[in-house]
Amino acid sequence: MDSFRRDVQEMCRNAPTELPRQIDGSTPLDHFEARIYLIELNNLAWECATSSDASSRDPERAMRLAQPLITAAPQEGNYWNTLGAAHYRAGSWQQAVRSLQKSMALRAGGDSFDWFFLAMCHWQLGQRDQARDWYTRAVEWMTKYKPQDAELIRFRSEAAELLGMPTG
């Protein structure tokens, strides 16, 4: 696990916080290459925000990585989800809610990857009923569509602990 933590910390520390010139419009890249770059940058931002090893998380870096994604592809809901998770981890509850709402609007209402974080945000904001509603919705979707997803299992456990809900 120490090796994994070091690898994640190194990736978060060394990742670019600005899009390369080829993507910012000054030198066109092949559309496929640009899309792959954005996906990989999103994956790295997601890892910095949500790593299973909490000590490897770097939410500030995750936000800096995710912001250019939003600029480059503002209609990509997954990028807004990543930014929302990063804001949550950084303790920016209101900004997290706004980003997650945008993610949901762009992704046909969203899914548990939005809703567990929304539940935790609302709890942190003192909006207990909303938190429980989002948690329940997230659990129902997860149970139906992705009951074995390791990340969702982690997020569910984290949200249940915060909200004082049973996990099983």
C-alpha atoms as a PDB file:
ATOM      1  CA  MET A   1       0.000   0.000   0.000  1.00  0.00           C
ATOM      2  CA  ASP A   2       2.898   2.371   0.650  1.00  0.00           C
ATOM      3  CA  SER A   3       4.002   2.024  -2.967  1.00  0.00           C
ATOM      4  CA  PHE A   4       0.464   2.773  -4.168  1.00  0.00           C
ATOM      5  CA  ARG A   5       0.266   5.852  -1.927  1.00  0.00           C
ATOM      6  CA  ARG A   6       3.620   7.114  -3.185  1.00  0.00           C
ATOM      7  CA  ASP A   7       2.540   6.576  -6.806  1.00  0.00           C
ATOM      8  CA  VAL A   8      -0.706   8.495  -6.319  1.00  0.00           C
ATOM      9  CA  GLN A   9       1.016  11.307  -4.467  1.00  0.00           C
ATOM     10  CA  GLU A  10       3.634  11.540  -7.215  1.00  0.00           C
ATOM     11  CA  MET A  11       0.993  11.618  -9.954  1.00  0.00           C
ATOM     12  CA  CYS A  12      -0.967  14.323  -8.144  1.00  0.00           C
ATOM     13  CA  ARG A  13       2.152  16.379  -7.510  1.00  0.00           C
ATOM     14  CA  ASN A  14       3.482  16.207 -11.084  1.00  0.00           C
ATOM     15  CA  ALA A  15       0.311  16.443 -13.154  1.00  0.00           C
ATOM     16  CA  PRO A  16      -0.096  19.583 -15.246  1.00  0.00           C
ATOM     17  CA  THR A  17      -2.625  22.100 -13.983  1.00  0.00           C
ATOM     18  CA  GLU A  18      -3.101  23.669 -17.398  1.00  0.00           C
ATOM     19  CA  LEU A  19      -4.070  22.078 -20.651  1.00  0.00           C
ATOM     20  CA  PRO A  20      -1.241  21.706 -23.126  1.00  0.00           C
ATOM     21  CA  ARG A  21      -1.186  24.121 -26.034  1.00  0.00           C
ATOM     22  CA  GLN A  22      -2.456  21.413 -28.318  1.00  0.00           C
ATOM     23  CA  ILE A  23      -5.768  21.332 -26.471  1.00  0.00           C
ATOM     24  CA  ASP A  24      -6.251  24.994 -25.656  1.00  0.00           C
ATOM     25  CA  GLY A  25      -6.801  25.750 -29.341  1.00  0.00           C
ATOM     26  CA  SER A  26      -3.458  27.207 -30.423  1.00  0.00           C
ATOM     27  CA  THR A  27      -2.302  24.004 -32.124  1.00  0.00           C
ATOM     28  CA  PRO A  28      -5.079  21.590 -33.055  1.00  0.00           C
ATOM     29  CA  LEU A  29      -4.729  17.989 -31.966  1.00  0.00           C
ATOM     30  CA  ASP A  30      -6.536  15.107 -33.507  1.00  0.00           C
ATOM     31  CA  HIS A  31      -9.990  14.999 -31.857  1.00  0.00           C
ATOM     32  CA  PHE A  32      -9.371  11.464 -30.620  1.00  0.00           C
ATOM     33  CA  GLU A  33      -6.032  12.430 -29.025  1.00  0.00           C
ATOM     34  CA  ALA A  34      -7.564  15.437 -27.311  1.00  0.00           C
ATOM     35  CA  ARG A  35     -10.448  13.362 -25.969  1.00  0.00           C
ATOM     36  CA  ILE A  36      -8.067  10.701 -24.599  1.00  0.00           C
ATOM     37  CA  TYR A  37      -5.975  13.394 -22.902  1.00  0.00           C
ATOM     38  CA  LEU A  38      -9.042  14.916 -21.245  1.00  0.00           C
ATOM     39  CA  ILE A  39     -10.261  11.512 -20.062  1.00  0.00           C
ATOM     40  CA  GLU A  40      -6.876  10.670 -18.575  1.00  0.00           C
ATOM     41  CA  LEU A  41      -6.619  14.064 -16.888  1.00  0.00           C
ATOM     42  CA  ASN A  42     -10.087  13.510 -15.421  1.00  0.00           C
ATOM     43  CA  ASN A  43      -9.046  10.072 -14.187  1.00  0.00           C
ATOM     44  CA  LEU A  44      -6.047  11.594 -12.456  1.00  0.00           C
ATOM     45  CA  ALA A  45      -8.134  14.382 -10.890  1.00  0.00           C
ATOM     46  CA  TRP A  46     -10.647  11.746  -9.720  1.00  0.00           C
ATOM     47  CA  GLU A  47      -7.850   9.692  -8.149  1.00  0.00           C
ATOM     48  CA  CYS A  48      -6.452  12.769  -6.397  1.00  0.00           C
ATOM     49  CA  ALA A  49      -9.915  13.488  -4.963  1.00  0.00           C
ATOM     50  CA  THR A  50     -11.170  10.005  -4.159  1.00  0.00           C
ATOM     51  CA  SER A  51      -8.212   7.675  -3.651  1.00  0.00           C
ATOM     52  CA  SER A  52      -9.042   4.692  -1.465  1.00  0.00           C
ATOM     53  CA  ASP A  53      -6.038   5.728   0.606  1.00  0.00           C
ATOM     54  CA  ALA A  54      -7.250   8.901   2.302  1.00  0.00           C
ATOM     55  CA  SER A  55      -3.696  10.022   3.069  1.00  0.00           C
ATOM     56  CA  SER A  56      -2.950  10.081  -0.687  1.00  0.00           C
ATOM     57  CA  ARG A  57      -5.804  12.423  -1.531  1.00  0.00           C
ATOM     58  CA  ASP A  58      -5.009  15.920  -2.693  1.00  0.00           C
ATOM     59  CA  PRO A  59      -8.313  17.754  -3.197  1.00  0.00           C
ATOM     60  CA  GLU A  60      -6.691  21.097  -3.976  1.00  0.00           C
ATOM     61  CA  ARG A  61      -4.699  19.506  -6.786  1.00  0.00           C
ATOM     62  CA  ALA A  62      -7.789  17.633  -7.955  1.00  0.00           C
ATOM     63  CA  MET A  63      -9.654  20.940  -8.288  1.00  0.00           C
ATOM     64  CA  ARG A  64      -6.755  22.475 -10.220  1.00  0.00           C
ATOM     65  CA  LEU A  65      -6.702  19.463 -12.559  1.00  0.00           C
ATOM     66  CA  ALA A  66     -10.469  19.417 -13.040  1.00  0.00           C
ATOM     67  CA  GLN A  67     -10.931  23.123 -13.769  1.00  0.00           C
ATOM     68  CA  PRO A  68      -9.295  23.046 -17.236  1.00  0.00           C
ATOM     69  CA  LEU A  69     -11.497  20.066 -18.073  1.00  0.00           C
ATOM     70  CA  ILE A  70     -14.581  22.174 -17.388  1.00  0.00           C
ATOM     71  CA  THR A  71     -13.156  24.929 -19.580  1.00  0.00           C
ATOM     72  CA  ALA A  72     -12.329  22.532 -22.422  1.00  0.00           C
ATOM     73  CA  ALA A  73     -15.525  20.463 -22.243  1.00  0.00           C
ATOM     74  CA  PRO A  74     -18.212  22.230 -20.186  1.00  0.00           C
ATOM     75  CA  GLN A  75     -20.925  19.839 -21.365  1.00  0.00           C
ATOM     76  CA  GLU A  76     -19.143  16.719 -20.044  1.00  0.00           C
ATOM     77  CA  GLY A  77     -20.985  15.734 -16.885  1.00  0.00           C
ATOM     78  CA  ASN A  78     -18.283  13.386 -15.633  1.00  0.00           C
ATOM     79  CA  TYR A  79     -15.857  16.298 -15.376  1.00  0.00           C
ATOM     80  CA  TRP A  80     -18.358  18.228 -13.238  1.00  0.00           C
ATOM     81  CA  ASN A  81     -18.743  15.136 -11.042  1.00  0.00           C
ATOM     82  CA  THR A  82     -14.980  15.030 -10.516  1.00  0.00           C
ATOM     83  CA  LEU A  83     -14.916  18.727  -9.668  1.00  0.00           C
ATOM     84  CA  GLY A  84     -17.798  18.196  -7.224  1.00  0.00           C
ATOM     85  CA  ALA A  85     -15.991  15.339  -5.479  1.00  0.00           C
ATOM     86  CA  ALA A  86     -12.840  17.468  -5.258  1.00  0.00           C
ATOM     87  CA  HIS A  87     -14.766  20.391  -3.769  1.00  0.00           C
ATOM     88  CA  TYR A  88     -16.353  18.036  -1.243  1.00  0.00           C
ATOM     89  CA  ARG A  89     -12.954  16.684  -0.193  1.00  0.00           C
ATOM     90  CA  ALA A  90     -11.659  20.262   0.142  1.00  0.00           C
ATOM     91  CA  GLY A  91     -14.577  21.195   2.405  1.00  0.00           C
ATOM     92  CA  SER A  92     -16.184  23.529  -0.150  1.00  0.00           C
ATOM     93  CA  TRP A  93     -19.675  22.126   0.400  1.00  0.00           C
ATOM     94  CA  GLN A  94     -21.685  24.744  -1.545  1.00  0.00           C
ATOM     95  CA  GLN A  95     -19.345  24.613  -4.538  1.00  0.00           C
ATOM     96  CA  ALA A  96     -19.507  20.837  -4.441  1.00  0.00           C
ATOM     97  CA  VAL A  97     -23.310  20.943  -4.523  1.00  0.00           C
ATOM     98  CA  ARG A  98     -23.273  23.307  -7.510  1.00  0.00           C
ATOM     99  CA  SER A  99     -20.795  21.140  -9.430  1.00  0.00           C
ATOM    100  CA  LEU A 100     -22.694  17.940  -8.632  1.00  0.00           C
ATOM    101  CA  GLN A 101     -25.980  19.538  -9.694  1.00  0.00           C
ATOM    102  CA  LYS A 102     -24.373  20.497 -13.005  1.00  0.00           C
ATOM    103  CA  SER A 103     -23.085  16.933 -13.367  1.00  0.00           C
ATOM    104  CA  MET A 104     -26.583  15.588 -12.781  1.00  0.00           C
ATOM    105  CA  ALA A 105     -28.127  18.023 -15.256  1.00  0.00           C
ATOM    106  CA  LEU A 106     -25.689  16.886 -17.936  1.00  0.00           C
ATOM    107  CA  ARG A 107     -25.971  13.183 -17.106  1.00  0.00           C
ATOM    108  CA  ALA A 108     -29.721  12.539 -17.196  1.00  0.00           C
ATOM    109  CA  GLY A 109     -30.204  13.108 -13.480  1.00  0.00           C
ATOM    110  CA  GLY A 110     -26.946  11.545 -12.343  1.00  0.00           C
ATOM    111  CA  ASP A 111     -26.266   8.414 -10.360  1.00  0.00           C
ATOM    112  CA  SER A 112     -24.772   7.252  -7.079  1.00  0.00           C
ATOM    113  CA  PHE A 113     -21.414   8.809  -7.962  1.00  0.00           C
ATOM    114  CA  ASP A 114     -23.175  12.174  -7.613  1.00  0.00           C
ATOM    115  CA  TRP A 115     -25.695  11.274  -4.940  1.00  0.00           C
ATOM    116  CA  PHE A 116     -23.408   9.884  -2.231  1.00  0.00           C
ATOM    117  CA  PHE A 117     -21.346  13.071  -2.418  1.00  0.00           C
ATOM    118  CA  LEU A 118     -24.504  15.193  -2.422  1.00  0.00           C
ATOM    119  CA  ALA A 119     -25.705  13.353   0.669  1.00  0.00           C
ATOM    120  CA  MET A 120     -22.446  14.115   2.445  1.00  0.00           C
ATOM    121  CA  CYS A 121     -22.474  17.762   1.304  1.00  0.00           C
ATOM    122  CA  HIS A 122     -26.004  18.346   2.547  1.00  0.00           C
ATOM    123  CA  TRP A 123     -25.126  16.700   5.854  1.00  0.00           C
ATOM    124  CA  GLN A 124     -22.120  18.986   6.252  1.00  0.00           C
ATOM    125  CA  LEU A 125     -24.366  21.966   5.447  1.00  0.00           C
ATOM    126  CA  GLY A 126     -26.806  20.925   8.180  1.00  0.00           C
ATOM    127  CA  GLN A 127     -29.501  19.865   5.694  1.00  0.00           C
ATOM    128  CA  ARG A 128     -30.132  16.487   7.299  1.00  0.00           C
ATOM    129  CA  ASP A 129     -33.370  15.534   5.501  1.00  0.00           C
ATOM    130  CA  GLN A 130     -31.908  16.266   2.078  1.00  0.00           C
ATOM    131  CA  ALA A 131     -28.795  14.312   3.018  1.00  0.00           C
ATOM    132  CA  ARG A 132     -30.848  11.260   3.961  1.00  0.00           C
ATOM    133  CA  ASP A 133     -32.931  11.541   0.780  1.00  0.00           C
ATOM    134  CA  TRP A 134     -29.832  11.627  -1.455  1.00  0.00           C
ATOM    135  CA  TYR A 135     -28.270   8.774   0.496  1.00  0.00           C
ATOM    136  CA  THR A 136     -31.403   6.625   0.089  1.00  0.00           C
ATOM    137  CA  ARG A 137     -31.568   7.391  -3.617  1.00  0.00           C
ATOM    138  CA  ALA A 138     -27.872   6.546  -4.025  1.00  0.00           C
ATOM    139  CA  VAL A 139     -28.248   3.226  -2.202  1.00  0.00           C
ATOM    140  CA  GLU A 140     -31.279   2.251  -4.291  1.00  0.00           C
ATOM    141  CA  TRP A 141     -29.507   3.023  -7.579  1.00  0.00           C
ATOM    142  CA  MET A 142     -26.319   1.300  -6.476  1.00  0.00           C
ATOM    143  CA  THR A 143     -28.215  -1.806  -5.343  1.00  0.00           C
ATOM    144  CA  LYS A 144     -30.009  -2.009  -8.676  1.00  0.00           C
ATOM    145  CA  TYR A 145     -27.212  -1.172 -11.111  1.00  0.00           C
ATOM    146  CA  LYS A 146     -23.760  -1.520  -9.501  1.00  0.00           C
ATOM    147  CA  PRO A 147     -23.969  -3.470  -6.247  1.00  0.00           C
ATOM    148  CA  GLN A 148     -20.370  -4.723  -6.445  1.00  0.00           C
ATOM    149  CA  ASP A 149     -18.673  -1.489  -7.546  1.00  0.00           C
ATOM    150  CA  ALA A 150     -15.710  -1.012  -5.193  1.00  0.00           C
ATOM    151  CA  GLU A 151     -15.774   2.792  -5.337  1.00  0.00           C
ATOM    152  CA  LEU A 152     -19.482   2.993  -4.667  1.00  0.00           C
ATOM    153  CA  ILE A 153     -19.119   0.557  -1.770  1.00  0.00           C
ATOM    154  CA  ARG A 154     -16.481   2.891  -0.315  1.00  0.00           C
ATOM    155  CA  PHE A 155     -18.570   6.015  -0.886  1.00  0.00           C
ATOM    156  CA  ARG A 156     -21.633   4.334   0.598  1.00  0.00           C
ATOM    157  CA  SER A 157     -19.688   3.346   3.698  1.00  0.00           C
ATOM    158  CA  GLU A 158     -18.257   6.842   4.070  1.00  0.00           C
ATOM    159  CA  ALA A 159     -21.672   8.482   3.658  1.00  0.00           C
ATOM    160  CA  ALA A 160     -23.349   6.003   6.016  1.00  0.00           C
ATOM    161  CA  GLU A 161     -20.773   6.702   8.699  1.00  0.00           C
ATOM    162  CA  LEU A 162     -21.146  10.470   8.344  1.00  0.00           C
ATOM    163  CA  LEU A 163     -24.954  10.314   8.341  1.00  0.00           C
ATOM    164  CA  GLY A 164     -25.144   7.659  11.054  1.00  0.00           C
ATOM    165  CA  MET A 165     -26.950   5.268   8.704  1.00  0.00           C
ATOM    166  CA  PRO A 166     -26.677   1.486   8.656  1.00  0.00           C
ATOM    167  CA  THR A 167     -24.491   0.121   5.843  1.00  0.00           C
ATOM    168  CA  GLY A 168     -26.153  -3.244   5.390  1.00  0.00           C
END
